[in-house]
C-alpha cells in the first residue's frame, strides 16, 4: 500500500501542474463545464476552492487535521512537516477564513465543512497510487514546469 505522505506528495505535484496550466491561456474548453453535472455557474466556486487548496501546505494542513483531533500550532507544524511558522500561520488564517479549520481551547481542529472536504479527499491516496502506476508505465514523464515542459499538453504516443 502506498504511504499517505507519498500519495499526498504526488497529489501536490499534480495540483501544482494543474495550477500552472490554469494560469496559462488555453484554447481548450474548461474541463469543468458539462462534466459530471458541473455547470458554467459552478465553475467560479470550483476555481475558488482550488485556488485555496493549491496554496502551499493548505492540503497538508487539512490532511493533518482530518482525524478530528485538535492540534496545537507546534504539533500541527510537526504533522505538516517542513513548513515555516510564518507559512503555517498564513495557511491557518486562510483556512479559518474559509471556515474549513477553527481554533478551539485544545488547538486547531477541522470544522464540519472541512471534515466534509477531507472525506471527499480521502479517495486521493487510492487515486494517486493508480495515477502514479500509470505514469511509470509511460516512456515519457508527465509534463512538468520543473523540466521546462510547460507547454506539453498531449500525451506521448
C-alpha atoms as a PDB file:
ATOM      1  CA  UNK A   1       0.000   0.000   0.000  1.00  0.00           C
ATOM      2  CA  UNK A   2       1.214   3.494  -0.794  1.00  0.00           C
ATOM      3  CA  UNK A   3       2.227   5.627   2.180  1.00  0.00           C
ATOM      4  CA  UNK A   4      -0.158   8.544   2.588  1.00  0.00           C
ATOM      5  CA  UNK A   5       2.735  11.033   2.654  1.00  0.00           C
ATOM      6  CA  UNK A   6       3.884   9.799  -0.749  1.00  0.00           C
ATOM      7  CA  UNK A   7       0.344   9.943  -2.095  1.00  0.00           C
ATOM      8  CA  UNK A   8      -0.017  13.481  -0.775  1.00  0.00           C
ATOM      9  CA  UNK A   9       3.289  14.499  -2.341  1.00  0.00           C
ATOM     10  CA  UNK A  10       2.140  13.051  -5.684  1.00  0.00           C
ATOM     11  CA  UNK A  11      -1.148  14.891  -5.358  1.00  0.00           C
ATOM     12  CA  UNK A  12       0.713  18.117  -4.502  1.00  0.00           C
ATOM     13  CA  UNK A  13       2.717  17.673  -7.729  1.00  0.00           C
ATOM     14  CA  UNK A  14      -0.403  17.036  -9.802  1.00  0.00           C
ATOM     15  CA  UNK A  15      -2.150  20.026  -8.206  1.00  0.00           C
ATOM     16  CA  UNK A  16       0.849  22.266  -8.915  1.00  0.00           C
ATOM     17  CA  UNK A  17       0.832  21.159 -12.559  1.00  0.00           C
ATOM     18  CA  UNK A  18      -2.896  21.856 -12.762  1.00  0.00           C
ATOM     19  CA  UNK A  19      -2.428  25.272 -11.161  1.00  0.00           C
ATOM     20  CA  UNK A  20       0.330  26.115 -13.625  1.00  0.00           C
ATOM     21  CA  UNK A  21      -1.798  25.000 -16.559  1.00  0.00           C
ATOM     22  CA  UNK A  22      -4.734  27.017 -15.222  1.00  0.00           C
ATOM     23  CA  UNK A  23      -2.627  30.190 -15.200  1.00  0.00           C
ATOM     24  CA  UNK A  24      -1.783  29.809 -18.918  1.00  0.00           C
ATOM     25  CA  UNK A  25      -4.292  30.868 -21.544  1.00  0.00           C
ATOM     26  CA  UNK A  26      -5.606  27.795 -23.302  1.00  0.00           C
ATOM     27  CA  UNK A  27      -7.822  27.367 -26.333  1.00  0.00           C
ATOM     28  CA  UNK A  28      -9.309  24.221 -24.798  1.00  0.00           C
ATOM     29  CA  UNK A  29     -12.733  24.384 -23.172  1.00  0.00           C
ATOM     30  CA  UNK A  30     -12.795  24.187 -19.396  1.00  0.00           C
ATOM     31  CA  UNK A  31     -12.715  20.602 -18.133  1.00  0.00           C
ATOM     32  CA  UNK A  32     -15.376  21.529 -15.577  1.00  0.00           C
ATOM     33  CA  UNK A  33     -18.078  22.687 -17.968  1.00  0.00           C
ATOM     34  CA  UNK A  34     -20.597  19.947 -18.585  1.00  0.00           C
ATOM     35  CA  UNK A  35     -18.524  17.373 -16.682  1.00  0.00           C
ATOM     36  CA  UNK A  36     -20.434  15.350 -14.100  1.00  0.00           C
ATOM     37  CA  UNK A  37     -23.057  17.970 -13.556  1.00  0.00           C
ATOM     38  CA  UNK A  38     -20.701  20.962 -13.202  1.00  0.00           C
ATOM     39  CA  UNK A  39     -22.263  23.915 -14.934  1.00  0.00           C
ATOM     40  CA  UNK A  40     -20.636  27.187 -16.019  1.00  0.00           C
ATOM     41  CA  UNK A  41     -22.299  28.720 -12.965  1.00  0.00           C
ATOM     42  CA  UNK A  42     -20.382  26.257 -10.718  1.00  0.00           C
ATOM     43  CA  UNK A  43     -17.025  26.989 -12.327  1.00  0.00           C
ATOM     44  CA  UNK A  44     -16.135  30.035 -10.165  1.00  0.00           C
ATOM     45  CA  UNK A  45     -16.773  28.049  -6.969  1.00  0.00           C
ATOM     46  CA  UNK A  46     -14.580  25.177  -8.180  1.00  0.00           C
ATOM     47  CA  UNK A  47     -11.755  27.528  -9.130  1.00  0.00           C
ATOM     48  CA  UNK A  48     -12.100  29.440  -5.859  1.00  0.00           C
ATOM     49  CA  UNK A  49     -11.759  26.210  -3.854  1.00  0.00           C
ATOM     50  CA  UNK A  50      -8.831  25.050  -5.988  1.00  0.00           C
ATOM     51  CA  UNK A  51      -7.099  28.407  -5.502  1.00  0.00           C
ATOM     52  CA  UNK A  52      -7.419  27.992  -1.730  1.00  0.00           C
ATOM     53  CA  UNK A  53      -6.197  24.391  -1.781  1.00  0.00           C
ATOM     54  CA  UNK A  54      -3.291  24.959  -4.157  1.00  0.00           C
ATOM     55  CA  UNK A  55      -1.638  27.353  -1.698  1.00  0.00           C
ATOM     56  CA  UNK A  56       1.499  25.743  -0.329  1.00  0.00           C
ATOM     57  CA  UNK A  57       0.761  23.360   2.576  1.00  0.00           C
ATOM     58  CA  UNK A  58      -3.000  24.041   2.606  1.00  0.00           C
ATOM     59  CA  UNK A  59      -3.849  20.446   1.727  1.00  0.00           C
ATOM     60  CA  UNK A  60      -1.277  19.153   4.174  1.00  0.00           C
ATOM     61  CA  UNK A  61      -2.872  21.138   6.992  1.00  0.00           C
ATOM     62  CA  UNK A  62      -6.288  19.698   6.182  1.00  0.00           C
ATOM     63  CA  UNK A  63      -4.764  16.234   5.856  1.00  0.00           C
ATOM     64  CA  UNK A  64      -3.086  16.540   9.269  1.00  0.00           C
ATOM     65  CA  UNK A  65      -6.373  17.576  10.910  1.00  0.00           C
ATOM     66  CA  UNK A  66      -8.636  15.120   9.073  1.00  0.00           C
ATOM     67  CA  UNK A  67      -8.898  12.732  12.053  1.00  0.00           C
ATOM     68  CA  UNK A  68     -10.765  15.401  14.057  1.00  0.00           C
ATOM     69  CA  UNK A  69      -8.244  15.641  16.902  1.00  0.00           C
ATOM     70  CA  UNK A  70      -7.147  19.102  17.979  1.00  0.00           C
ATOM     71  CA  UNK A  71      -3.523  20.017  17.391  1.00  0.00           C
ATOM     72  CA  UNK A  72      -1.520  22.862  18.850  1.00  0.00           C
ATOM     73  CA  UNK A  73       0.350  25.113  16.438  1.00  0.00           C
ATOM     74  CA  UNK A  74       3.644  23.334  17.198  1.00  0.00           C
ATOM     75  CA  UNK A  75       2.151  19.845  16.836  1.00  0.00           C
ATOM     76  CA  UNK A  76       0.461  20.863  13.595  1.00  0.00           C
ATOM     77  CA  UNK A  77       3.754  22.250  12.315  1.00  0.00           C
ATOM     78  CA  UNK A  78       5.394  18.882  13.040  1.00  0.00           C
ATOM     79  CA  UNK A  79       2.477  16.986  11.464  1.00  0.00           C
ATOM     80  CA  UNK A  80       2.639  19.029   8.268  1.00  0.00           C
ATOM     81  CA  UNK A  81       6.427  18.814   8.114  1.00  0.00           C
ATOM     82  CA  UNK A  82       8.822  21.342   6.638  1.00  0.00           C
ATOM     83  CA  UNK A  83       6.502  24.330   6.969  1.00  0.00           C
ATOM     84  CA  UNK A  84       7.778  27.567   8.460  1.00  0.00           C
ATOM     85  CA  UNK A  85       5.782  29.186  11.270  1.00  0.00           C
ATOM     86  CA  UNK A  86       5.024  32.152   9.003  1.00  0.00           C
ATOM     87  CA  UNK A  87       3.648  29.983   6.205  1.00  0.00           C
ATOM     88  CA  UNK A  88       1.635  27.813   8.589  1.00  0.00           C
ATOM     89  CA  UNK A  89       0.153  30.890  10.233  1.00  0.00           C
ATOM     90  CA  UNK A  90      -0.859  32.268   6.823  1.00  0.00           C
ATOM     91  CA  UNK A  91      -2.453  28.960   5.743  1.00  0.00           C
ATOM     92  CA  UNK A  92      -4.327  28.682   9.041  1.00  0.00           C
ATOM     93  CA  UNK A  93      -5.695  32.212   8.632  1.00  0.00           C
ATOM     94  CA  UNK A  94      -6.864  31.375   5.105  1.00  0.00           C
ATOM     95  CA  UNK A  95      -8.403  28.048   6.124  1.00  0.00           C
ATOM     96  CA  UNK A  96     -10.108  29.677   9.119  1.00  0.00           C
ATOM     97  CA  UNK A  97     -11.499  32.440   6.891  1.00  0.00           C
ATOM     98  CA  UNK A  98     -12.829  29.707   4.579  1.00  0.00           C
ATOM     99  CA  UNK A  99     -14.401  28.005   7.630  1.00  0.00           C
ATOM    100  CA  UNK A 100     -12.528  24.754   6.986  1.00  0.00           C
ATOM    101  CA  UNK A 101     -10.457  24.991  10.194  1.00  0.00           C
ATOM    102  CA  UNK A 102     -11.120  26.629  13.542  1.00  0.00           C
ATOM    103  CA  UNK A 103      -9.166  27.214  16.730  1.00  0.00           C
ATOM    104  CA  UNK A 104     -10.553  25.846  19.958  1.00  0.00           C
ATOM    105  CA  UNK A 105      -9.289  25.584  23.541  1.00  0.00           C
ATOM    106  CA  UNK A 106      -7.185  22.497  22.685  1.00  0.00           C
ATOM    107  CA  UNK A 107      -5.778  23.793  19.402  1.00  0.00           C
ATOM    108  CA  UNK A 108      -6.697  23.748  15.747  1.00  0.00           C
ATOM    109  CA  UNK A 109      -9.470  21.441  14.577  1.00  0.00           C
ATOM    110  CA  UNK A 110     -11.205  20.781  11.322  1.00  0.00           C
ATOM    111  CA  UNK A 111     -14.744  22.169  11.052  1.00  0.00           C
ATOM    112  CA  UNK A 112     -17.727  20.121   9.844  1.00  0.00           C
ATOM    113  CA  UNK A 113     -17.318  21.766   6.428  1.00  0.00           C
ATOM    114  CA  UNK A 114     -13.608  20.947   6.450  1.00  0.00           C
ATOM    115  CA  UNK A 115     -14.406  17.371   7.516  1.00  0.00           C
ATOM    116  CA  UNK A 116     -16.774  17.065   4.553  1.00  0.00           C
ATOM    117  CA  UNK A 117     -13.972  18.165   2.230  1.00  0.00           C
ATOM    118  CA  UNK A 118     -11.496  15.812   3.952  1.00  0.00           C
ATOM    119  CA  UNK A 119     -13.900  12.892   3.476  1.00  0.00           C
ATOM    120  CA  UNK A 120     -14.022  13.683  -0.216  1.00  0.00           C
ATOM    121  CA  UNK A 121     -10.216  13.925  -0.291  1.00  0.00           C
ATOM    122  CA  UNK A 122      -9.872  10.511   1.380  1.00  0.00           C
ATOM    123  CA  UNK A 123     -10.102   8.953  -2.070  1.00  0.00           C
ATOM    124  CA  UNK A 124      -6.924  10.742  -3.145  1.00  0.00           C
ATOM    125  CA  UNK A 125      -4.378   8.142  -1.942  1.00  0.00           C
ATOM    126  CA  UNK A 126      -6.050   5.369  -3.959  1.00  0.00           C
ATOM    127  CA  UNK A 127      -6.337   7.651  -6.996  1.00  0.00           C
ATOM    128  CA  UNK A 128      -2.740   8.894  -6.579  1.00  0.00           C
ATOM    129  CA  UNK A 129      -1.475   5.309  -6.436  1.00  0.00           C
ATOM    130  CA  UNK A 130      -3.412   4.383  -9.575  1.00  0.00           C
ATOM    131  CA  UNK A 131      -2.276   7.562 -11.322  1.00  0.00           C
ATOM    132  CA  UNK A 132       1.394   7.104 -10.326  1.00  0.00           C
ATOM    133  CA  UNK A 133       1.370   3.485 -11.515  1.00  0.00           C
ATOM    134  CA  UNK A 134       0.085   4.652 -14.889  1.00  0.00           C
ATOM    135  CA  UNK A 135       2.764   7.337 -15.073  1.00  0.00           C
ATOM    136  CA  UNK A 136       5.579   4.851 -14.514  1.00  0.00           C
ATOM    137  CA  UNK A 137       4.295   2.736 -17.434  1.00  0.00           C
ATOM    138  CA  UNK A 138       4.757   5.644 -19.840  1.00  0.00           C
ATOM    139  CA  UNK A 139       8.106   6.070 -21.549  1.00  0.00           C
ATOM    140  CA  UNK A 140       7.941   9.863 -21.279  1.00  0.00           C
ATOM    141  CA  UNK A 141       7.476  11.580 -17.898  1.00  0.00           C
ATOM    142  CA  UNK A 142       4.413  13.805 -17.462  1.00  0.00           C
ATOM    143  CA  UNK A 143       4.832  17.489 -18.346  1.00  0.00           C
ATOM    144  CA  UNK A 144       6.436  19.407 -15.532  1.00  0.00           C
ATOM    145  CA  UNK A 145       7.220  23.098 -15.175  1.00  0.00           C
ATOM    146  CA  UNK A 146      10.404  21.972 -13.393  1.00  0.00           C
ATOM    147  CA  UNK A 147      11.574  20.152 -16.532  1.00  0.00           C
ATOM    148  CA  UNK A 148      10.712  23.035 -18.849  1.00  0.00           C
ATOM    149  CA  UNK A 149       7.785  21.088 -20.334  1.00  0.00           C
ATOM    150  CA  UNK A 150       5.219  23.756 -19.554  1.00  0.00           C
ATOM    151  CA  UNK A 151       3.578  23.713 -22.981  1.00  0.00           C
ATOM    152  CA  UNK A 152       3.438  19.911 -23.369  1.00  0.00           C
ATOM    153  CA  UNK A 153      -0.295  19.239 -23.393  1.00  0.00           C
ATOM    154  CA  UNK A 154      -0.641  15.996 -25.291  1.00  0.00           C
ATOM    155  CA  UNK A 155       0.324  12.550 -24.022  1.00  0.00           C
ATOM    156  CA  UNK A 156       3.288  10.810 -25.573  1.00  0.00           C
ATOM    157  CA  UNK A 157       2.421   8.128 -28.037  1.00  0.00           C
END
